[in-house]
Amino acid sequence: MVRSFDDAQVLLERFLLRRAEQGDRRALVALGSIHLETIYAIARNLSGTDAEALDLTEAALQIAWEAIGEMPHGISFRTFVCRFLVREALSRLREMGASSSASSGRPAARSDDDAQTPAEWSSPRMDGLPRRPDLAERLREALDRLEPEDRAAFVLRVVQELPPRECADILEIPEAELRQRAHQASLLMTAFVQYLMARSAPVQPAPRPACIQ
């Protein structure tokens, strides 16, 4: 007896996985569709543009489909796909960081067309943040300043709010390290945003002294 929607989804995924392992392409597409929104959101948080996020998503799904028969026992299809996605995203972030450091020492600039914040990319914990262009810019800059591994931990655990065990499985690290990285990244994000907001705040003119009679 199916007790809940979650139970029904687990049963559906098991059925689709069995079909996919037998070479059913439609089952693979259905599996990807179930988790597409979450997978794309993670890709968007780990990349610079919508085009890069789409490329990461398509690449991760393609690799997962080709390696479906090698999927480790005990992990979900979403975890399996996200492993490939995060590996590729981290590789690109490291390359981008290396090239940026070699040229100017700063993260590469993005266009105004990409003016989205982590909060807008799906973060229930950040719903209270004001939607101001200057805050969006500061959040993007702060996110770019995180180390790639810390950024991935922050995106998976804090922004997407995936379970700690699944985040650790995706990153292939111990759960304790995942928690430490996510916490450290959260503190750094807060400090970065506060510093950047203060740096960009307009300077208030000093009050004019009263005339001496």
Protein backbone atom coordinates (compact mmCIF):
# COMPACT_ATOMS: atom_id res chain seq x y z
CA MET A 1 0.00 0.00 0.00
CA VAL A 2 1.39 3.40 -1.03
CA ARG A 3 1.36 5.67 2.03
CA SER A 4 2.29 9.02 0.54
CA PHE A 5 3.27 10.91 -2.57
CA ASP A 6 6.94 10.36 -1.66
CA ASP A 7 6.39 6.61 -1.46
CA ALA A 8 4.71 6.68 -4.85
CA GLN A 9 7.64 8.61 -6.35
CA VAL A 10 10.14 6.12 -4.94
CA LEU A 11 8.21 3.24 -6.47
CA LEU A 12 7.95 5.07 -9.79
CA GLU A 13 11.69 5.76 -9.86
CA ARG A 14 12.48 2.13 -9.09
CA PHE A 15 10.25 1.03 -11.94
CA LEU A 16 11.80 3.55 -14.34
CA LEU A 17 15.31 2.58 -13.28
CA ARG A 18 14.63 -1.08 -14.02
CA ARG A 19 13.28 -0.11 -17.43
CA ALA A 20 16.23 2.22 -18.06
CA GLU A 21 18.74 -0.49 -17.18
CA GLN A 22 17.06 -2.65 -19.82
CA GLY A 23 17.70 0.07 -22.40
CA ASP A 24 14.34 1.84 -22.39
CA ARG A 25 15.18 5.37 -23.56
CA ARG A 26 11.74 6.70 -22.63
CA ALA A 27 12.30 5.60 -19.04
CA LEU A 28 15.57 7.54 -18.97
CA VAL A 29 13.85 10.66 -20.24
CA ALA A 30 11.12 10.26 -17.63
CA LEU A 31 13.71 9.90 -14.85
CA GLY A 32 15.44 13.07 -15.96
CA SER A 33 12.15 14.95 -16.14
CA ILE A 34 11.28 14.11 -12.53
CA HIS A 35 14.34 15.91 -11.20
CA LEU A 36 15.05 18.37 -14.01
CA GLU A 37 14.07 21.50 -12.05
CA THR A 38 16.37 20.70 -9.13
CA ILE A 39 19.24 19.60 -11.36
CA TYR A 40 19.03 22.78 -13.43
CA ALA A 41 18.82 24.98 -10.32
CA ILE A 42 22.04 23.43 -8.99
CA ALA A 43 23.70 23.94 -12.36
CA ARG A 44 22.57 27.59 -12.44
CA ASN A 45 24.02 28.23 -9.00
CA LEU A 46 27.34 26.71 -10.01
CA SER A 47 27.68 28.54 -13.32
CA GLY A 48 27.74 32.06 -14.67
CA THR A 49 24.94 32.13 -17.22
CA ASP A 50 21.73 30.38 -18.23
CA ALA A 51 23.53 28.96 -21.27
CA GLU A 52 26.29 27.45 -19.12
CA ALA A 53 23.71 25.98 -16.74
CA LEU A 54 21.82 24.39 -19.62
CA ASP A 55 25.04 22.96 -21.01
CA LEU A 56 25.97 21.49 -17.60
CA THR A 57 22.50 20.00 -17.17
CA GLU A 58 22.46 18.37 -20.59
CA ALA A 59 26.00 17.03 -20.18
CA ALA A 60 25.29 15.54 -16.75
CA LEU A 61 22.08 13.85 -17.91
CA GLN A 62 23.80 12.45 -20.99
CA ILE A 63 26.67 10.98 -18.95
CA ALA A 64 24.24 9.52 -16.40
CA TRP A 65 22.14 7.94 -19.14
CA GLU A 66 25.21 6.35 -20.70
CA ALA A 67 26.44 5.05 -17.33
CA ILE A 68 23.05 3.99 -15.93
CA GLY A 69 24.16 0.37 -15.69
CA GLU A 70 27.04 1.41 -13.41
CA MET A 71 24.94 3.40 -10.94
CA PRO A 72 26.09 2.53 -7.39
CA HIS A 73 23.62 0.70 -5.20
CA GLY A 74 22.00 2.81 -2.49
CA ILE A 75 21.94 6.23 -4.17
CA SER A 76 19.12 7.90 -6.07
CA PHE A 77 19.11 8.80 -9.73
CA ARG A 78 19.16 12.49 -8.75
CA THR A 79 22.30 11.94 -6.68
CA PHE A 80 23.86 10.00 -9.55
CA VAL A 81 23.22 12.81 -12.05
CA CYS A 82 24.31 15.54 -9.66
CA ARG A 83 27.64 13.81 -9.08
CA PHE A 84 28.50 14.23 -12.75
CA LEU A 85 27.10 17.75 -12.81
CA VAL A 86 29.07 18.93 -9.78
CA ARG A 87 32.29 17.30 -10.98
CA GLU A 88 32.08 19.17 -14.28
CA ALA A 89 30.97 22.43 -12.63
CA LEU A 90 33.86 22.33 -10.15
CA SER A 91 36.30 21.65 -12.95
CA ARG A 92 35.03 24.70 -14.86
CA LEU A 93 35.06 26.90 -11.74
CA ARG A 94 38.66 25.94 -11.02
CA GLU A 95 39.68 26.72 -14.60
CA MET A 96 37.83 30.04 -14.48
CA GLY A 97 39.45 30.90 -11.15
CA ALA A 98 42.90 30.06 -12.46
CA SER A 99 42.48 32.15 -15.61
CA SER A 100 40.98 35.07 -13.66
CA SER A 101 43.84 35.03 -11.17
CA ALA A 102 46.38 34.94 -13.96
CA SER A 103 44.84 37.94 -15.72
CA SER A 104 43.52 40.32 -13.08
CA GLY A 105 43.21 38.49 -9.81
CA ARG A 106 39.43 39.00 -9.81
CA PRO A 107 36.48 36.83 -10.93
CA ALA A 108 35.37 37.35 -14.51
CA ALA A 109 32.65 39.99 -14.89
CA ARG A 110 29.17 39.03 -16.02
CA SER A 111 26.67 40.90 -18.09
CA ASP A 112 23.51 42.56 -16.79
CA ASP A 113 21.49 39.86 -18.55
CA ASP A 114 22.71 37.42 -15.89
CA ALA A 115 21.59 39.59 -12.96
CA GLN A 116 20.08 36.81 -10.86
CA THR A 117 20.85 36.06 -7.24
CA PRO A 118 21.13 32.74 -5.45
CA ALA A 119 17.87 33.67 -3.69
CA GLU A 120 16.10 33.95 -7.03
CA TRP A 121 17.54 30.63 -8.19
CA SER A 122 15.50 28.77 -5.50
CA SER A 123 16.40 29.33 -1.89
CA PRO A 124 13.58 29.14 0.67
CA ARG A 125 15.94 30.41 3.37
CA MET A 126 16.63 33.63 1.49
CA ASP A 127 13.06 34.69 0.74
CA GLY A 128 13.29 37.59 3.18
CA LEU A 129 16.06 39.34 1.28
CA PRO A 130 15.04 42.56 -0.49
CA ARG A 131 15.08 42.31 -4.28
CA ARG A 132 17.41 45.20 -5.06
CA PRO A 133 19.77 45.32 -8.06
CA ASP A 134 22.70 46.30 -5.85
CA LEU A 135 22.06 43.36 -3.51
CA ALA A 136 21.80 41.00 -6.50
CA GLU A 137 25.19 42.19 -7.73
CA ARG A 138 26.75 41.81 -4.27
CA LEU A 139 25.38 38.28 -3.87
CA ARG A 140 26.77 37.23 -7.24
CA GLU A 141 30.15 38.70 -6.41
CA ALA A 142 30.19 37.02 -2.99
CA LEU A 143 29.24 33.65 -4.47
CA ASP A 144 32.07 33.93 -6.99
CA ARG A 145 34.56 34.51 -4.18
CA LEU A 146 33.90 31.15 -2.54
CA GLU A 147 36.25 28.26 -3.15
CA PRO A 148 34.63 25.87 -5.67
CA GLU A 149 34.14 23.04 -3.14
CA ASP A 150 32.68 25.40 -0.53
CA ARG A 151 30.42 26.94 -3.16
CA ALA A 152 29.10 23.51 -4.12
CA ALA A 153 28.44 22.62 -0.47
CA PHE A 154 26.66 25.95 0.05
CA VAL A 155 24.52 25.54 -3.07
CA LEU A 156 23.50 21.96 -2.32
CA ARG A 157 22.86 22.28 1.41
CA VAL A 158 21.88 25.92 2.00
CA VAL A 159 20.38 27.12 -1.28
CA GLN A 160 18.75 23.89 -2.48
CA GLU A 161 18.30 22.46 1.02
CA LEU A 162 19.07 18.88 -0.01
CA PRO A 163 19.49 16.38 2.84
CA PRO A 164 23.02 16.37 4.32
CA ARG A 165 23.58 12.71 3.44
CA GLU A 166 22.66 13.30 -0.20
CA CYS A 167 24.88 16.41 -0.40
CA ALA A 168 27.80 14.39 0.96
CA ASP A 169 27.11 11.58 -1.53
CA ILE A 170 27.02 14.07 -4.43
CA LEU A 171 30.32 15.64 -3.38
CA GLU A 172 31.75 12.23 -2.40
CA ILE A 173 32.98 13.52 0.95
CA PRO A 174 32.17 12.61 4.58
CA GLU A 175 28.99 14.16 5.93
CA ALA A 176 30.93 15.95 8.67
CA GLU A 177 33.08 17.68 6.05
CA LEU A 178 29.97 18.63 4.08
CA ARG A 179 28.44 20.28 7.14
CA GLN A 180 31.68 22.11 7.90
CA ARG A 181 32.04 23.40 4.34
CA ALA A 182 28.41 24.54 4.13
CA HIS A 183 28.64 26.33 7.48
CA GLN A 184 31.92 27.99 6.56
CA ALA A 185 30.53 29.11 3.20
CA SER A 186 27.44 30.56 4.89
CA LEU A 187 29.60 32.64 7.22
CA LEU A 188 31.78 33.82 4.35
CA MET A 189 28.76 34.73 2.22
CA THR A 190 27.33 36.83 5.05
CA ALA A 191 30.64 38.58 5.65
CA PHE A 192 31.27 39.15 1.93
CA VAL A 193 27.83 40.62 1.32
CA GLN A 194 28.05 42.92 4.34
CA TYR A 195 31.49 44.14 3.26
CA LEU A 196 30.51 44.62 -0.38
CA MET A 197 27.27 46.39 0.51
CA ALA A 198 29.14 48.74 2.85
CA ARG A 199 31.80 49.40 0.22
CA SER A 200 29.22 50.28 -2.41
CA ALA A 201 27.00 52.40 -0.14
CA PRO A 202 26.87 56.07 -1.17
CA VAL A 203 28.84 58.42 1.02
CA GLN A 204 26.55 60.71 2.95
CA PRO A 205 27.64 64.37 2.85
CA ALA A 206 28.66 65.82 6.17
CA PRO A 207 26.17 68.28 7.65
CA ARG A 208 27.02 71.89 7.01
CA PRO A 209 28.07 73.74 10.20
CA ALA A 210 25.80 76.46 11.42
CA CYS A 211 26.93 79.99 10.63
CA ILE A 212 28.68 81.72 13.46
CA GLN A 213 26.92 84.92 14.24
